[in-house]
PDB file of N, CA and C in Angstrom:
ATOM      1  N   MET A   1      91.936 109.639  93.840  1.00  0.00           N
ATOM      2  CA  MET A   1      90.967 110.482  94.521  1.00  0.00           C
ATOM      3  C   MET A   1      91.506 110.866  95.896  1.00  0.00           C
ATOM      4  N   PRO A   2      91.122 112.026  96.354  1.00  0.00           N
ATOM      5  CA  PRO A   2      91.628 112.486  97.652  1.00  0.00           C
ATOM      6  C   PRO A   2      90.973 111.774  98.825  1.00  0.00           C
ATOM      7  N   ARG A   3      91.681 111.783  99.932  1.00  0.00           N
ATOM      8  CA  ARG A   3      91.171 111.211 101.180  1.00  0.00           C
ATOM      9  C   ARG A   3      90.695 112.353 102.069  1.00  0.00           C
ATOM     10  N   TYR A   4      89.568 112.142 102.695  1.00  0.00           N
ATOM     11  CA  TYR A   4      89.012 113.135 103.603  1.00  0.00           C
ATOM     12  C   TYR A   4      88.786 112.502 104.961  1.00  0.00           C
ATOM     13  N   VAL A   5      89.037 113.258 106.001  1.00  0.00           N
ATOM     14  CA  VAL A   5      88.798 112.807 107.367  1.00  0.00           C
ATOM     15  C   VAL A   5      87.586 113.559 107.885  1.00  0.00           C
ATOM     16  N   TYR A   6      86.629 112.793 108.379  1.00  0.00           N
ATOM     17  CA  TYR A   6      85.401 113.366 108.934  1.00  0.00           C
ATOM     18  C   TYR A   6      85.332 113.086 110.421  1.00  0.00           C
ATOM     19  N   LYS A   7      84.616 113.948 111.122  1.00  0.00           N
ATOM     20  CA  LYS A   7      84.373 113.730 112.545  1.00  0.00           C
ATOM     21  C   LYS A   7      82.873 113.721 112.777  1.00  0.00           C
ATOM     22  N   CYS A   8      82.408 112.702 113.498  1.00  0.00           N
ATOM     23  CA  CYS A   8      80.992 112.584 113.828  1.00  0.00           C
ATOM     24  C   CYS A   8      80.742 113.301 115.153  1.00  0.00           C
ATOM     25  N   LEU A   9      79.748 114.164 115.183  1.00  0.00           N
ATOM     26  CA  LEU A   9      79.416 114.878 116.412  1.00  0.00           C
ATOM     27  C   LEU A   9      78.604 114.014 117.369  1.00  0.00           C
ATOM     28  N   ASP A  10      77.970 112.958 116.854  1.00  0.00           N
ATOM     29  CA  ASP A  10      77.167 112.076 117.706  1.00  0.00           C
ATOM     30  C   ASP A  10      78.042 111.123 118.525  1.00  0.00           C
ATOM     31  N   CYS A  11      78.978 110.440 117.850  1.00  0.00           N
ATOM     32  CA  CYS A  11      79.789 109.442 118.568  1.00  0.00           C
ATOM     33  C   CYS A  11      81.256 109.872 118.723  1.00  0.00           C
ATOM     34  N   GLU A  12      81.623 111.065 118.267  1.00  0.00           N
ATOM     35  CA  GLU A  12      82.981 111.611 118.365  1.00  0.00           C
ATOM     36  C   GLU A  12      84.011 110.776 117.602  1.00  0.00           C
ATOM     37  N   CYS A  13      83.562 110.015 116.641  1.00  0.00           N
ATOM     38  CA  CYS A  13      84.423 109.135 115.858  1.00  0.00           C
ATOM     39  C   CYS A  13      85.083 109.924 114.727  1.00  0.00           C
ATOM     40  N   LEU A  14      86.368 109.654 114.479  1.00  0.00           N
ATOM     41  CA  LEU A  14      87.067 110.165 113.305  1.00  0.00           C
ATOM     42  C   LEU A  14      87.158 109.030 112.301  1.00  0.00           C
ATOM     43  N   PHE A  15      86.840 109.296 111.039  1.00  0.00           N
ATOM     44  CA  PHE A  15      86.957 108.255 110.023  1.00  0.00           C
ATOM     45  C   PHE A  15      87.417 108.873 108.713  1.00  0.00           C
ATOM     46  N   GLU A  16      88.072 108.039 107.918  1.00  0.00           N
ATOM     47  CA  GLU A  16      88.657 108.481 106.660  1.00  0.00           C
ATOM     48  C   GLU A  16      87.850 107.922 105.491  1.00  0.00           C
ATOM     49  N   VAL A  17      87.585 108.767 104.506  1.00  0.00           N
ATOM     50  CA  VAL A  17      86.812 108.362 103.339  1.00  0.00           C
ATOM     51  C   VAL A  17      87.540 108.860 102.094  1.00  0.00           C
ATOM     52  N   ILE A  18      87.569 108.029 101.063  1.00  0.00           N
ATOM     53  CA  ILE A  18      88.149 108.418  99.780  1.00  0.00           C
ATOM     54  C   ILE A  18      87.004 108.654  98.810  1.00  0.00           C
ATOM     55  N   HIS A  19      86.917 109.875  98.290  1.00  0.00           N
ATOM     56  CA  HIS A  19      85.870 110.173  97.312  1.00  0.00           C
ATOM     57  C   HIS A  19      86.270 111.376  96.470  1.00  0.00           C
ATOM     58  N   HIS A  20      85.511 111.621  95.430  1.00  0.00           N
ATOM     59  CA  HIS A  20      85.735 112.754  94.540  1.00  0.00           C
ATOM     60  C   HIS A  20      85.570 114.043  95.324  1.00  0.00           C
ATOM     61  N   TYR A  21      86.298 115.082  94.938  1.00  0.00           N
ATOM     62  CA  TYR A  21      86.253 116.320  95.713  1.00  0.00           C
ATOM     63  C   TYR A  21      84.887 116.992  95.672  1.00  0.00           C
ATOM     64  N   ARG A  22      84.076 116.693  94.691  1.00  0.00           N
ATOM     65  CA  ARG A  22      82.733 117.274  94.627  1.00  0.00           C
ATOM     66  C   ARG A  22      81.730 116.556  95.522  1.00  0.00           C
ATOM     67  N   ASN A  23      82.036 115.331  95.902  1.00  0.00           N
ATOM     68  CA  ASN A  23      81.133 114.556  96.751  1.00  0.00           C
ATOM     69  C   ASN A  23      81.339 114.907  98.218  1.00  0.00           C
ATOM     70  N   THR A  24      80.366 114.560  99.037  1.00  0.00           N
ATOM     71  CA  THR A  24      80.488 114.709 100.479  1.00  0.00           C
ATOM     72  C   THR A  24      79.984 113.446 101.148  1.00  0.00           C
ATOM     73  N   GLN A  25      80.496 113.192 102.336  1.00  0.00           N
ATOM     74  CA  GLN A  25      80.030 112.053 103.116  1.00  0.00           C
ATOM     75  C   GLN A  25      78.753 112.469 103.827  1.00  0.00           C
ATOM     76  N   GLU A  26      77.729 111.634 103.767  1.00  0.00           N
ATOM     77  CA  GLU A  26      76.433 111.997 104.337  1.00  0.00           C
ATOM     78  C   GLU A  26      76.205 111.461 105.746  1.00  0.00           C
ATOM     79  N   ALA A  27      76.880 110.344 106.094  1.00  0.00           N
ATOM     80  CA  ALA A  27      76.620 109.724 107.396  1.00  0.00           C
ATOM     81  C   ALA A  27      77.900 109.127 107.969  1.00  0.00           C
ATOM     82  N   CYS A  28      77.926 109.005 109.286  1.00  0.00           N
ATOM     83  CA  CYS A  28      79.046 108.401 109.996  1.00  0.00           C
ATOM     84  C   CYS A  28      79.132 106.915 109.643  1.00  0.00           C
ATOM     85  N   LEU A  29      80.342 106.421 109.486  1.00  0.00           N
ATOM     86  CA  LEU A  29      80.520 105.004 109.176  1.00  0.00           C
ATOM     87  C   LEU A  29      80.263 104.114 110.391  1.00  0.00           C
ATOM     88  N   SER A  30      80.406 104.648 111.596  1.00  0.00           N
ATOM     89  CA  SER A  30      80.210 103.853 112.808  1.00  0.00           C
ATOM     90  C   SER A  30      78.760 103.819 113.269  1.00  0.00           C
ATOM     91  N   CYS A  31      78.201 105.022 113.506  1.00  0.00           N
ATOM     92  CA  CYS A  31      76.869 105.073 114.114  1.00  0.00           C
ATOM     93  C   CYS A  31      75.777 105.494 113.128  1.00  0.00           C
ATOM     94  N   LYS A  32      76.162 105.780 111.892  1.00  0.00           N
ATOM     95  CA  LYS A  32      75.228 106.218 110.839  1.00  0.00           C
ATOM     96  C   LYS A  32      74.586 107.575 111.144  1.00  0.00           C
ATOM     97  N   GLY A  33      75.153 108.319 112.082  1.00  0.00           N
ATOM     98  CA  GLY A  33      74.653 109.655 112.400  1.00  0.00           C
ATOM     99  C   GLY A  33      74.933 110.625 111.261  1.00  0.00           C
ATOM    100  N   THR A  34      74.103 111.633 111.142  1.00  0.00           N
ATOM    101  CA  THR A  34      74.243 112.573 110.034  1.00  0.00           C
ATOM    102  C   THR A  34      74.902 113.882 110.449  1.00  0.00           C
ATOM    103  N   GLU A  35      75.268 114.021 111.707  1.00  0.00           N
ATOM    104  CA  GLU A  35      75.926 115.229 112.201  1.00  0.00           C
ATOM    105  C   GLU A  35      77.440 115.049 112.079  1.00  0.00           C
ATOM    106  N   ILE A  36      77.957 115.185 110.862  1.00  0.00           N
ATOM    107  CA  ILE A  36      79.389 115.025 110.634  1.00  0.00           C
ATOM    108  C   ILE A  36      79.928 116.259 109.936  1.00  0.00           C
ATOM    109  N   TYR A  37      81.236 116.467 110.061  1.00  0.00           N
ATOM    110  CA  TYR A  37      81.881 117.551 109.340  1.00  0.00           C
ATOM    111  C   TYR A  37      83.290 117.128 108.959  1.00  0.00           C
ATOM    112  N   LYS A  38      83.852 117.783 107.927  1.00  0.00           N
ATOM    113  CA  LYS A  38      85.212 117.490 107.515  1.00  0.00           C
ATOM    114  C   LYS A  38      86.165 117.958 108.595  1.00  0.00           C
ATOM    115  N   TYR A  39      87.031 117.063 108.991  1.00  0.00           N
ATOM    116  CA  TYR A  39      88.009 117.353 110.031  1.00  0.00           C
ATOM    117  C   TYR A  39      89.270 117.849 109.342  1.00  0.00           C
ATOM    118  N   LEU A  40      89.770 118.983 109.744  1.00  0.00           N
ATOM    119  CA  LEU A  40      90.929 119.572 109.092  1.00  0.00           C
ATOM    120  C   LEU A  40      92.232 119.298 109.817  1.00  0.00           C
ATOM    121  N   GLY A  41      92.220 118.316 110.704  1.00  0.00           N
ATOM    122  CA  GLY A  41      93.440 117.924 111.411  1.00  0.00           C
ATOM    123  C   GLY A  41      94.268 116.994 110.565  1.00  0.00           C
ATOM    124  N   ASN A  42      95.183 116.278 111.201  1.00  0.00           N
ATOM    125  CA  ASN A  42      96.026 115.326 110.504  1.00  0.00           C
ATOM    126  C   ASN A  42      95.205 114.124 110.061  1.00  0.00           C
ATOM    127  N   PRO A  43      95.500 113.559 108.875  1.00  0.00           N
ATOM    128  CA  PRO A  43      94.787 112.365 108.439  1.00  0.00           C
ATOM    129  C   PRO A  43      95.128 111.161 109.308  1.00  0.00           C
ATOM    130  N   ILE A  44      94.266 110.185 109.294  1.00  0.00           N
ATOM    131  CA  ILE A  44      94.459 108.975 110.080  1.00  0.00           C
ATOM    132  C   ILE A  44      95.495 108.100 109.386  1.00  0.00           C
ATOM    133  N   ASN A  45      96.497 107.641 110.119  1.00  0.00           N
ATOM    134  CA  ASN A  45      97.509 106.738 109.592  1.00  0.00           C
ATOM    135  C   ASN A  45      97.393 105.408 110.296  1.00  0.00           C
ATOM    136  N   VAL A  46      97.153 104.339 109.528  1.00  0.00           N
ATOM    137  CA  VAL A  46      96.996 103.023 110.122  1.00  0.00           C
ATOM    138  C   VAL A  46      98.086 102.089 109.603  1.00  0.00           C
ATOM    139  N   ARG A  47      99.189 102.642 109.151  1.00  0.00           N
ATOM    140  CA  ARG A  47     100.276 101.832 108.611  1.00  0.00           C
ATOM    141  C   ARG A  47     101.147 101.291 109.726  1.00  0.00           C
ATOM    142  N   LYS A  48     101.701 100.106 109.486  1.00  0.00           N
ATOM    143  CA  LYS A  48     102.636  99.522 110.424  1.00  0.00           C
ATOM    144  C   LYS A  48     104.047  99.888 109.990  1.00  0.00           C
ATOM    145  N   GLU A  49     104.970  99.849 110.914  1.00  0.00           N
ATOM    146  CA  GLU A  49     106.351 100.213 110.610  1.00  0.00           C
ATOM    147  C   GLU A  49     106.949  99.331 109.530  1.00  0.00           C
ATOM    148  N   GLU A  50     106.540  98.070 109.449  1.00  0.00           N
ATOM    149  CA  GLU A  50     107.096  97.158 108.457  1.00  0.00           C
ATOM    150  C   GLU A  50     106.831  97.639 107.040  1.00  0.00           C
ATOM    151  N   SER A  51     105.729  98.372 106.829  1.00  0.00           N
ATOM    152  CA  SER A  51     105.394  98.814 105.482  1.00  0.00           C
ATOM    153  C   SER A  51     106.332  99.904 104.987  1.00  0.00           C
ATOM    154  N   PHE A  52     107.120 100.504 105.872  1.00  0.00           N
ATOM    155  CA  PHE A  52     108.032 101.558 105.470  1.00  0.00           C
ATOM    156  C   PHE A  52     109.428 101.037 105.132  1.00  0.00           C
ATOM    157  N   LYS A  53     109.678  99.759 105.347  1.00  0.00           N
ATOM    158  CA  LYS A  53     110.989  99.202 105.044  1.00  0.00           C
ATOM    159  C   LYS A  53     111.219  99.243 103.538  1.00  0.00           C
ATOM    160  N   LYS A  54     112.459  99.504 103.162  1.00  0.00           N
ATOM    161  CA  LYS A  54     112.785  99.606 101.741  1.00  0.00           C
ATOM    162  C   LYS A  54     113.730  98.483 101.338  1.00  0.00           C
ATOM    163  N   SER A  55     113.399  97.273 101.681  1.00  0.00           N
ATOM    164  CA  SER A  55     114.254  96.158 101.305  1.00  0.00           C
ATOM    165  C   SER A  55     113.415  95.066 100.662  1.00  0.00           C
ATOM    166  N   GLY A  56     114.052  94.343  99.761  1.00  0.00           N
ATOM    167  CA  GLY A  56     113.383  93.212  99.130  1.00  0.00           C
ATOM    168  C   GLY A  56     112.178  93.616  98.303  1.00  0.00           C
ATOM    169  N   LYS A  57     111.118  92.834  98.385  1.00  0.00           N
ATOM    170  CA  LYS A  57     109.923  93.073  97.591  1.00  0.00           C
ATOM    171  C   LYS A  57     109.125  94.281  98.065  1.00  0.00           C
ATOM    172  N   ASN A  58     109.355  94.750  99.285  1.00  0.00           N
ATOM    173  CA  ASN A  58     108.628  95.900  99.806  1.00  0.00           C
ATOM    174  C   ASN A  58     109.215  97.225  99.349  1.00  0.00           C
ATOM    175  N   LYS A  59     110.309  97.175  98.599  1.00  0.00           N
ATOM    176  CA  LYS A  59     110.957  98.399  98.158  1.00  0.00           C
ATOM    177  C   LYS A  59     110.028  99.168  97.224  1.00  0.00           C
ATOM    178  N   THR A  60     109.959 100.468  97.424  1.00  0.00           N
ATOM    179  CA  THR A  60     109.094 101.312  96.618  1.00  0.00           C
ATOM    180  C   THR A  60     109.474 101.198  95.148  1.00  0.00           C
ATOM    181  N   GLY A  61     108.493 100.930  94.299  1.00  0.00           N
ATOM    182  CA  GLY A  61     108.716 100.853  92.860  1.00  0.00           C
ATOM    183  C   GLY A  61     109.186  99.509  92.362  1.00  0.00           C
ATOM    184  N   SER A  62     109.382  98.520  93.238  1.00  0.00           N
ATOM    185  CA  SER A  62     109.910  97.230  92.788  1.00  0.00           C
ATOM    186  C   SER A  62     108.945  96.522  91.847  1.00  0.00           C
ATOM    187  N   VAL A  63     107.654  96.643  92.071  1.00  0.00           N
ATOM    188  CA  VAL A  63     106.665  96.012  91.193  1.00  0.00           C
ATOM    189  C   VAL A  63     106.689  96.683  89.818  1.00  0.00           C
ATOM    190  N   VAL A  64     106.769  97.998  89.811  1.00  0.00           N
ATOM    191  CA  VAL A  64     106.819  98.729  88.548  1.00  0.00           C
ATOM    192  C   VAL A  64     108.075  98.371  87.776  1.00  0.00           C
ATOM    193  N   ASN A  65     109.214  98.354  88.471  1.00  0.00           N
ATOM    194  CA  ASN A  65     110.474  98.024  87.811  1.00  0.00           C
ATOM    195  C   ASN A  65     110.469  96.613  87.237  1.00  0.00           C
ATOM    196  N   SER A  66     109.946  95.646  87.975  1.00  0.00           N
ATOM    197  CA  SER A  66     109.912  94.272  87.471  1.00  0.00           C
ATOM    198  C   SER A  66     108.966  94.152  86.277  1.00  0.00           C
ATOM    199  N   THR A  67     107.856  94.887  86.293  1.00  0.00           N
ATOM    200  CA  THR A  67     106.932  94.873  85.160  1.00  0.00           C
ATOM    201  C   THR A  67     107.588  95.479  83.928  1.00  0.00           C
ATOM    202  N   ILE A  68     108.321  96.568  84.100  1.00  0.00           N
ATOM    203  CA  ILE A  68     109.030  97.188  82.980  1.00  0.00           C
ATOM    204  C   ILE A  68     110.041  96.221  82.381  1.00  0.00           C
ATOM    205  N   GLU A  69     110.783  95.525  83.235  1.00  0.00           N
ATOM    206  CA  GLU A  69     111.764  94.556  82.746  1.00  0.00           C
ATOM    207  C   GLU A  69     111.098  93.423  81.964  1.00  0.00           C
ATOM    208  N   GLU A  70     109.981  92.919  82.463  1.00  0.00           N
ATOM    209  CA  GLU A  70     109.254  91.852  81.765  1.00  0.00           C
ATOM    210  C   GLU A  70     108.775  92.328  80.400  1.00  0.00           C
ATOM    211  N   LEU A  71     108.246  93.544  80.341  1.00  0.00           N
ATOM    212  CA  LEU A  71     107.765  94.086  79.073  1.00  0.00           C
ATOM    213  C   LEU A  71     108.908  94.325  78.093  1.00  0.00           C
ATOM    214  N   LYS A  72     110.071  94.745  78.579  1.00  0.00           N
ATOM    215  CA  LYS A  72     111.238  94.909  77.712  1.00  0.00           C
ATOM    216  C   LYS A  72     111.645  93.580  77.099  1.00  0.00           C
ATOM    217  N   GLN A  73     111.635  92.519  77.920  1.00  0.00           N
ATOM    218  CA  GLN A  73     111.986  91.195  77.415  1.00  0.00           C
ATOM    219  C   GLN A  73     110.998  90.734  76.352  1.00  0.00           C
ATOM    220  N   GLU A  74     109.700  90.949  76.592  1.00  0.00           N
ATOM    221  CA  GLU A  74     108.691  90.573  75.602  1.00  0.00           C
ATOM    222  C   GLU A  74     108.881  91.353  74.308  1.00  0.00           C
ATOM    223  N   LEU A  75     109.201  92.642  74.410  1.00  0.00           N
ATOM    224  CA  LEU A  75     109.420  93.471  73.241  1.00  0.00           C
ATOM    225  C   LEU A  75     110.635  92.995  72.450  1.00  0.00           C
ATOM    226  N   ASP A  76     111.709  92.663  73.151  1.00  0.00           N
ATOM    227  CA  ASP A  76     112.907  92.151  72.483  1.00  0.00           C
ATOM    228  C   ASP A  76     112.616  90.844  71.760  1.00  0.00           C
ATOM    229  N   GLN A  77     111.832  89.969  72.391  1.00  0.00           N
ATOM    230  CA  GLN A  77     111.465  88.708  71.758  1.00  0.00           C
ATOM    231  C   GLN A  77     110.608  88.950  70.516  1.00  0.00           C
ATOM    232  N   ASP A  78     109.692  89.899  70.614  1.00  0.00           N
ATOM    233  CA  ASP A  78     108.830  90.222  69.475  1.00  0.00           C
ATOM    234  C   ASP A  78     109.646  90.804  68.320  1.00  0.00           C
ATOM    235  N   LYS A  79     110.617  91.674  68.641  1.00  0.00           N
ATOM    236  CA  LYS A  79     111.478  92.251  67.607  1.00  0.00           C
ATOM    237  C   LYS A  79     112.292  91.170  66.916  1.00  0.00           C
ATOM    238  N   ALA A  80     112.839  90.238  67.695  1.00  0.00           N
ATOM    239  CA  ALA A  80     113.638  89.160  67.129  1.00  0.00           C
ATOM    240  C   ALA A  80     112.782  88.282  66.217  1.00  0.00           C
ATOM    241  N   LYS A  81     111.567  88.019  66.614  1.00  0.00           N
ATOM    242  CA  LYS A  81     110.671  87.185  65.805  1.00  0.00           C
ATOM    243  C   LYS A  81     110.328  87.896  64.498  1.00  0.00           C
ATOM    244  N   ARG A  82     110.085  89.203  64.536  1.00  0.00           N
ATOM    245  CA  ARG A  82     109.765  89.954  63.320  1.00  0.00           C
ATOM    246  C   ARG A  82     110.952  90.006  62.369  1.00  0.00           C
ATOM    247  N   ARG A  83     112.183  90.141  62.913  1.00  0.00           N
ATOM    248  CA  ARG A  83     113.374  90.125  62.075  1.00  0.00           C
ATOM    249  C   ARG A  83     113.541  88.777  61.381  1.00  0.00           C
ATOM    250  N   LYS A  84     113.227  87.732  62.130  1.00  0.00           N
ATOM    251  CA  LYS A  84     113.365  86.370  61.603  1.00  0.00           C
ATOM    252  C   LYS A  84     112.333  86.141  60.485  1.00  0.00           C
ATOM    253  N   ASP A  85     111.130  86.655  60.663  1.00  0.00           N
ATOM    254  CA  ASP A  85     110.065  86.473  59.680  1.00  0.00           C
ATOM    255  C   ASP A  85     110.259  87.337  58.436  1.00  0.00           C
ATOM    256  N   ALA A  86     111.022  88.430  58.558  1.00  0.00           N
ATOM    257  CA  ALA A  86     111.186  89.359  57.432  1.00  0.00           C
ATOM    258  C   ALA A  86     112.170  88.908  56.424  1.00  0.00           C
TER     259      ALA A  86
END
Protein backbone atom coordinates (compact mmCIF):
# COMPACT_ATOMS: atom_id res chain seq x y z
CA MET A 1 0.00 0.00 0.00
CA PRO A 2 1.19 3.52 -0.67
CA ARG A 3 2.47 5.92 1.95
CA TYR A 4 0.92 9.35 2.27
CA VAL A 5 2.23 12.38 4.12
CA TYR A 6 -0.34 14.63 5.74
CA LYS A 7 0.00 18.04 7.31
CA CYS A 8 -2.18 19.18 10.20
CA LEU A 9 -3.25 22.82 10.03
CA ASP A 10 -3.96 22.91 13.78
CA CYS A 11 -0.57 21.79 15.14
CA GLU A 12 1.55 22.11 11.93
CA CYS A 13 2.59 18.47 12.33
CA LEU A 14 3.68 16.34 9.36
CA PHE A 15 2.89 12.64 9.66
CA GLU A 16 3.07 9.61 7.41
CA VAL A 17 0.23 7.11 6.99
CA ILE A 18 0.07 3.90 4.96
CA HIS A 19 -3.37 3.16 3.54
CA HIS A 20 -5.26 2.18 0.40
CA TYR A 21 -5.37 4.88 -2.25
CA ARG A 22 -9.16 5.13 -1.95
CA ASN A 23 -9.00 5.83 1.79
CA THR A 24 -8.22 9.16 3.41
CA GLN A 25 -6.88 10.11 6.81
CA GLU A 26 -9.59 11.80 8.88
CA ALA A 27 -7.63 13.17 11.85
CA CYS A 28 -4.14 14.21 12.92
CA LEU A 29 -2.19 11.51 14.72
CA SER A 30 -0.77 14.03 17.22
CA CYS A 31 -3.58 16.39 18.18
CA LYS A 32 -6.58 14.54 16.66
CA GLY A 33 -7.48 17.71 14.73
CA THR A 34 -9.55 17.29 11.60
CA GLU A 35 -8.01 20.14 9.58
CA ILE A 36 -5.48 18.05 7.64
CA TYR A 37 -4.48 17.78 4.01
CA LYS A 38 -2.20 15.57 1.91
CA TYR A 39 1.24 17.08 1.82
CA LEU A 40 2.84 16.86 -1.61
CA GLY A 41 6.39 17.48 -0.43
CA ASN A 42 9.08 14.90 0.22
CA PRO A 43 8.05 11.90 2.34
CA ILE A 44 9.33 11.61 5.88
CA ASN A 45 12.48 9.48 6.20
CA VAL A 46 13.28 8.13 9.64
CA ARG A 47 15.95 5.63 8.61
CA LYS A 48 19.36 5.52 10.19
CA GLU A 49 22.52 5.31 8.11
CA GLU A 50 23.23 1.81 9.42
CA SER A 51 20.15 0.48 7.63
CA PHE A 52 21.70 1.36 4.27
CA LYS A 53 24.81 -0.76 4.75
CA LYS A 54 25.05 -3.67 2.34
CA SER A 55 27.16 -6.08 4.34
CA GLY A 56 26.41 -9.23 6.25
CA LYS A 57 22.82 -9.93 7.24
CA ASN A 58 21.71 -6.38 6.37
CA LYS A 59 22.44 -6.94 2.69
CA THR A 60 19.39 -6.39 0.51
CA GLY A 61 17.78 -9.71 -0.44
CA SER A 62 19.83 -11.84 1.96
CA VAL A 63 16.72 -13.18 3.71
CA VAL A 64 15.09 -14.04 0.39
CA ASN A 65 18.24 -15.72 -0.89
CA SER A 66 18.68 -17.81 2.26
CA THR A 67 15.02 -18.87 2.14
CA ILE A 68 15.40 -19.92 -1.50
CA GLU A 69 18.47 -21.98 -0.63
CA GLU A 70 16.66 -23.70 2.26
CA LEU A 71 13.70 -24.54 0.01
CA LYS A 72 16.02 -25.92 -2.68
CA GLN A 73 17.62 -28.21 -0.10
CA GLU A 74 14.21 -29.41 1.10
CA LEU A 75 13.15 -30.06 -2.50
CA ASP A 76 16.32 -32.04 -3.22
CA GLN A 77 15.75 -34.12 -0.09
CA ASP A 78 12.14 -34.76 -1.10
CA LYS A 79 13.21 -35.80 -4.62
CA ALA A 80 15.81 -38.19 -3.22
CA LYS A 81 13.26 -39.74 -0.87
CA ARG A 82 10.74 -40.24 -3.71
CA ARG A 83 13.41 -41.89 -5.89
CA LYS A 84 14.29 -44.19 -3.02
CA ASP A 85 10.63 -45.12 -2.45
CA ALA A 86 9.96 -45.75 -6.17
